[in-house]
Protein backbone atom coordinates (compact mmCIF):
# COMPACT_ATOMS: atom_id res chain seq x y z
CA MET A 1 99.16 125.12 95.06
CA HIS A 2 98.68 121.48 96.04
CA VAL A 3 95.35 119.97 94.99
CA HIS A 4 94.31 117.02 97.15
CA ALA A 5 91.29 114.76 97.44
CA HIS A 6 90.80 114.56 101.23
CA PRO A 7 91.98 116.13 104.46
CA ASP A 8 95.17 114.22 105.46
CA ASP A 9 96.43 113.89 101.85
CA GLU A 10 98.31 117.18 102.20
CA SER A 11 100.22 115.66 105.13
CA SER A 12 100.93 112.24 103.60
CA LYS A 13 102.06 113.52 100.19
CA GLY A 14 104.63 116.27 99.81
CA ALA A 15 104.30 117.66 103.33
CA ALA A 16 108.02 117.91 104.07
CA SER A 17 108.73 119.91 100.91
CA THR A 18 105.66 122.02 101.70
CA ALA A 19 107.04 122.84 105.14
CA MET A 20 110.44 123.62 103.64
CA TYR A 21 109.03 126.02 101.05
CA VAL A 22 106.94 127.75 103.71
CA ASP A 23 110.07 128.14 105.83
CA GLN A 24 111.82 129.69 102.83
CA GLY A 25 109.07 132.28 102.48
CA ALA A 26 106.85 130.78 99.80
CA GLU A 27 103.09 130.98 99.98
CA VAL A 28 101.76 127.44 99.82
CA HIS A 29 98.05 126.88 99.24
CA VAL A 30 96.31 123.52 99.66
CA VAL A 31 93.01 122.83 97.95
CA THR A 32 91.03 119.99 99.54
CA CYS A 33 88.40 118.72 97.12
CA THR A 34 86.19 116.90 99.66
CA GLY A 35 85.54 116.94 103.37
CA GLY A 36 86.58 113.32 103.89
CA GLU A 37 83.13 112.60 105.31
CA ARG A 38 83.15 108.94 104.30
CA GLY A 39 86.71 108.16 105.36
CA SER A 40 87.30 105.08 107.50
CA ILE A 41 88.65 105.46 111.03
CA LEU A 42 92.12 103.94 110.81
CA ASN A 43 93.27 104.73 114.35
CA PRO A 44 91.70 102.40 116.96
CA ARG A 45 91.91 105.17 119.58
CA MET A 46 89.50 107.27 117.52
CA ASP A 47 87.01 104.51 116.77
CA ARG A 48 84.39 105.95 119.09
CA PRO A 49 80.68 106.80 118.71
CA ASP A 50 81.26 110.52 119.29
CA VAL A 51 83.77 110.59 116.42
CA LEU A 52 81.61 108.53 114.05
CA GLU A 53 78.62 110.78 114.71
CA ASN A 54 80.58 113.94 113.97
CA MET A 55 83.00 112.84 111.25
CA THR A 56 82.65 116.02 109.18
CA GLU A 57 83.44 118.31 112.10
CA VAL A 58 86.23 116.07 113.38
CA ARG A 59 88.01 115.94 110.04
CA ARG A 60 87.71 119.70 109.61
CA ALA A 61 89.28 120.20 113.03
CA GLU A 62 92.08 117.81 112.10
CA MET A 63 92.68 119.78 108.90
CA ASP A 64 92.80 123.02 110.91
CA ALA A 65 95.51 121.54 113.14
CA ALA A 66 97.58 120.23 110.21
CA ARG A 67 97.24 123.57 108.42
CA GLU A 68 98.74 125.39 111.38
CA ILE A 69 101.61 122.91 111.66
CA LEU A 70 102.50 123.22 107.96
CA GLY A 71 101.99 126.98 107.79
CA ILE A 72 99.80 126.77 104.71
CA THR A 73 96.64 128.45 103.48
CA GLN A 74 93.91 125.88 102.87
CA HIS A 75 90.75 126.00 100.77
CA TRP A 76 87.81 123.57 100.73
CA LEU A 77 86.54 122.97 97.21
CA GLY A 78 83.23 121.87 98.72
CA PHE A 79 82.53 118.43 97.25
CA VAL A 80 81.37 115.33 99.14
CA ASP A 81 83.66 112.34 99.75
CA SER A 82 82.85 109.37 97.52
CA GLY A 83 84.02 106.78 100.03
CA TRP A 84 85.94 103.63 99.14
CA PRO A 85 83.70 101.26 97.13
CA ASP A 86 84.27 97.85 98.72
CA GLY A 87 83.15 94.58 97.16
CA ASP A 88 83.40 92.47 94.02
CA PRO A 89 81.83 93.78 91.95
CA LYS A 90 82.18 97.21 93.52
CA PRO A 91 78.93 98.98 94.37
CA PRO A 92 77.95 102.19 92.58
CA LEU A 93 79.23 105.43 94.06
CA PRO A 94 76.78 107.31 96.28
CA GLU A 95 74.64 109.93 94.58
CA GLY A 96 76.02 113.46 94.74
CA CYS A 97 79.59 112.46 95.60
CA PHE A 98 82.73 114.01 94.12
CA GLY A 99 83.46 111.00 91.93
CA LEU A 100 80.19 111.56 90.03
CA VAL A 101 80.42 115.32 89.53
CA PRO A 102 81.01 116.28 85.88
CA VAL A 103 84.66 117.23 85.45
CA GLU A 104 83.81 120.56 83.85
CA GLU A 105 81.62 121.51 86.82
CA ALA A 106 84.23 120.64 89.43
CA ALA A 107 86.97 122.27 87.37
CA GLU A 108 85.17 125.62 87.43
CA ALA A 109 85.50 125.79 91.21
CA LEU A 110 89.21 125.06 90.98
CA VAL A 111 89.75 127.50 88.10
CA ARG A 112 88.19 130.20 90.27
CA LEU A 113 90.71 129.45 93.03
CA ILE A 114 93.69 129.31 90.67
CA ARG A 115 92.74 132.70 89.23
CA GLN A 116 92.32 134.11 92.72
CA VAL A 117 95.51 132.69 94.23
CA ARG A 118 97.65 132.89 91.04
CA PRO A 119 100.07 130.04 91.81
CA HIS A 120 103.24 129.54 89.81
CA VAL A 121 103.31 125.80 90.52
CA VAL A 122 100.43 123.32 90.83
CA THR A 123 100.75 119.73 92.08
CA THR A 124 98.23 116.91 91.98
CA TYR A 125 98.06 113.11 91.49
CA ASP A 126 98.96 111.06 88.44
CA GLU A 127 96.29 109.54 86.20
CA ARG A 128 96.03 106.52 88.53
CA GLY A 129 95.21 108.83 91.41
CA GLY A 130 98.29 107.64 93.29
CA TYR A 131 96.00 104.75 94.21
CA PRO A 132 92.61 103.99 92.66
CA HIS A 133 90.31 105.80 95.08
CA PRO A 134 87.56 107.43 92.99
CA ASP A 135 88.20 110.81 94.62
CA HIS A 136 91.92 110.64 93.85
CA VAL A 137 91.29 109.80 90.21
CA MET A 138 88.70 112.60 89.99
CA CYS A 139 91.15 114.98 91.69
CA HIS A 140 93.66 114.24 88.92
CA ARG A 141 91.10 114.83 86.17
CA VAL A 142 89.80 118.05 87.68
CA SER A 143 93.28 119.41 88.43
CA VAL A 144 94.54 118.83 84.90
CA ALA A 145 91.41 120.36 83.37
CA ALA A 146 91.57 123.42 85.64
CA PHE A 147 95.31 123.89 85.10
CA GLU A 148 94.73 124.16 81.35
CA ALA A 149 91.55 126.24 81.59
CA ALA A 150 92.78 128.79 84.13
CA GLY A 151 94.77 130.76 81.57
CA ASP A 152 92.15 130.55 78.81
CA PRO A 153 90.05 133.75 78.66
CA ASP A 154 87.30 131.84 76.84
CA ALA A 155 87.01 129.22 79.59
CA TYR A 156 84.81 130.04 82.58
CA PRO A 157 84.71 133.79 81.87
CA GLU A 158 82.77 134.43 85.09
CA ALA A 159 85.48 132.77 87.23
CA GLY A 160 87.92 135.69 87.34
CA GLN A 161 90.80 137.06 85.32
CA PRO A 162 92.85 134.37 83.51
CA TRP A 163 96.05 133.16 85.14
CA THR A 164 98.50 130.70 83.59
CA PRO A 165 100.56 128.69 86.12
CA SER A 166 104.12 127.91 85.04
CA LYS A 167 104.42 124.25 86.06
CA LEU A 168 102.31 121.18 86.81
CA TYR A 169 103.62 118.22 88.81
CA TYR A 170 102.35 114.80 89.87
CA HIS A 171 103.26 113.34 93.26
CA HIS A 172 105.44 110.21 93.09
CA SER A 173 106.74 109.87 96.64
CA PHE A 174 105.23 106.39 97.10
CA ASN A 175 107.45 104.83 94.49
CA ARG A 176 108.84 101.29 94.50
CA PRO A 177 112.56 102.19 94.47
CA ARG A 178 112.09 104.35 97.57
CA MET A 179 110.17 101.68 99.45
CA THR A 180 112.70 99.03 98.40
CA ALA A 181 115.61 101.12 99.66
CA ILE A 182 113.92 101.73 103.02
CA HIS A 183 112.90 98.08 103.30
CA GLU A 184 116.45 96.85 102.66
CA ALA A 185 117.92 99.38 105.09
CA MET A 186 115.52 98.20 107.79
CA LEU A 187 116.53 94.57 107.28
CA GLU A 188 120.24 95.47 107.28
CA ARG A 189 119.74 97.02 110.72
CA GLY A 190 117.89 93.98 112.00
CA LEU A 191 114.54 95.79 112.07
CA GLU A 192 111.17 94.57 110.88
CA SER A 193 110.19 96.31 107.66
CA PRO A 194 106.64 97.66 107.33
CA TRP A 195 106.96 97.32 103.55
CA ALA A 196 107.75 93.59 103.31
CA GLU A 197 104.23 92.43 102.49
CA ARG A 198 103.50 95.29 100.09
CA LEU A 199 106.75 94.81 98.17
CA ALA A 200 106.15 91.09 97.80
CA SER A 201 103.12 91.83 95.61
CA TRP A 202 104.34 95.08 94.02
CA GLU A 203 105.33 94.32 90.45
CA PRO A 204 108.34 96.37 89.25
CA GLU A 205 107.46 99.06 86.69
CA PRO A 206 110.77 100.65 85.70
CA GLU A 207 109.10 102.76 83.01
CA TRP A 208 106.73 104.19 85.62
CA ASP A 209 109.54 104.97 88.06
CA ALA A 210 111.46 106.65 85.24
CA ARG A 211 108.73 109.29 85.09
CA ILE A 212 110.17 110.95 88.19
CA THR A 213 111.90 114.15 87.11
CA THR A 214 112.22 116.14 90.31
CA ARG A 215 113.61 115.08 93.68
CA VAL A 216 113.29 117.77 96.34
CA PRO A 217 115.72 117.41 99.30
CA CYS A 218 113.65 118.06 102.43
CA ALA A 219 114.81 115.56 105.08
CA ASP A 220 115.16 118.32 107.67
CA TYR A 221 111.38 118.74 107.51
CA PHE A 222 110.34 115.10 107.93
CA GLU A 223 109.60 115.85 111.58
CA VAL A 224 107.14 118.58 110.59
CA ARG A 225 105.53 116.18 108.12
CA ASP A 226 105.06 113.62 110.88
CA ARG A 227 103.47 116.16 113.22
CA ALA A 228 101.06 117.17 110.48
CA LEU A 229 100.22 113.52 109.87
CA LEU A 230 99.51 112.92 113.55
CA ALA A 231 97.09 115.84 113.52
CA HIS A 232 94.83 113.65 111.37
CA ALA A 233 94.13 111.34 114.29
CA THR A 234 91.18 109.52 112.68
CA GLN A 235 93.34 108.50 109.73
CA ILE A 236 96.79 107.97 111.23
CA ASP A 237 97.61 105.34 113.84
CA PRO A 238 100.71 106.52 115.74
CA ASP A 239 101.65 102.87 116.22
CA GLY A 240 101.09 102.00 112.57
CA HIS A 241 103.31 101.68 109.51
CA TRP A 242 103.68 105.44 109.02
CA PHE A 243 106.03 105.59 111.99
CA ALA A 244 107.66 102.16 111.88
CA VAL A 245 110.76 103.50 110.10
CA PRO A 246 113.19 105.42 112.36
CA MET A 247 113.45 109.07 111.38
CA GLU A 248 117.23 109.05 110.95
CA LEU A 249 117.04 106.00 108.67
CA SER A 250 114.42 107.63 106.49
CA GLN A 251 116.41 110.85 106.33
CA SER A 252 119.63 109.13 105.32
CA VAL A 253 118.26 106.51 102.92
CA TRP A 254 115.77 108.65 100.98
CA PRO A 255 115.99 112.35 101.90
CA THR A 256 113.76 113.61 99.08
CA GLU A 257 110.13 113.89 98.05
CA ASP A 258 109.68 112.95 94.42
CA PHE A 259 107.60 114.46 91.63
CA GLU A 260 106.97 114.19 87.92
CA ARG A 261 107.05 117.43 85.97
CA VAL A 262 104.18 117.19 83.50
CA VAL A 263 103.89 120.74 82.17
CA ASP A 264 106.69 123.29 82.13
CA ARG A 265 106.51 126.80 80.73
CA THR A 266 109.86 127.94 82.16
CA GLY A 267 112.42 125.98 80.14
CA ALA A 268 114.13 124.72 83.29
CA PRO A 269 116.42 121.74 82.56
CA LEU A 270 115.79 118.25 83.90
CA PRO A 271 116.34 116.61 86.27
CA GLU A 272 115.40 119.11 88.97
CA ASP A 273 115.72 119.41 92.73
CA ASP A 274 113.31 122.33 93.13
CA LEU A 275 109.64 122.73 92.17
CA PHE A 276 110.32 126.43 91.53
CA ALA A 277 113.28 125.88 89.19
CA GLY A 278 112.99 128.34 86.33
CA VAL A 279 110.09 130.27 87.86
CA THR A 280 110.32 134.03 87.57
CA PRO A 281 108.02 135.72 90.10
CA ASP A 282 105.41 137.94 88.53
CA PRO A 283 105.07 141.41 90.08
CA GLY A 284 101.31 140.96 90.17
CA ALA A 285 101.47 137.72 92.14
CA ALA A 286 102.98 136.61 95.41
CA SER A 287 106.75 136.07 95.39
CA ALA A 288 106.43 132.28 95.17
CA GLN A 289 103.38 130.08 95.35
């Protein structure tokens, strides 16, 4: 079960490994915490009045298309996008948005889903949210709280029978060593790197990068990832940085998606190359989730 903040996050983070596990027969469930109602239109082709007036419906349709491409089951948690607070100082978050919901309230909805789906593995964002969007940070907080509460019979007793997932991971695919390797490979081939400006201001954090424990080889599924990304047409510009790196270069230079194992109840050794390492399927659950 991948827990994400907005529609499109499931396609920009971990989508190739998702597609690979689906192809191998695993059941992969994506939980989308908000509807992405306040997301900016990042593709000039979609910056149209008819899209702006129907953002909720458009983003749901995009999620439907990405879901079919990835082969996943997807659940809406039902909260409202907080938007990106822009300004200095930043304005307060809008009333009723996900970023202002009490963690224990939002966690109950996710606990209910975890107990229903019974996943062996749960992924979410690190404590920084991957980047400091209020919905991403809240997604982290809610995911961690629900992961711990799901197996506790005293927590949310009305939310179904307790279920204890085996492993919790944080996404780390947008890490500096990966971007540096791709950047240098682009320059070596005489190509313009889309990461030059970002790397110039990205301070090295070796201790942060060392948190990566699990690198999942999934280069054969980068094409599926890209198709899922393109399904989110309001968010993804096909001429933008997402597609500036040739597929074969990306596959050869960094053929993995990277994660940090935060909780493990299996005893699997580190480092890993498989999110399901050490997982023993339970007869009462699906074979792999």
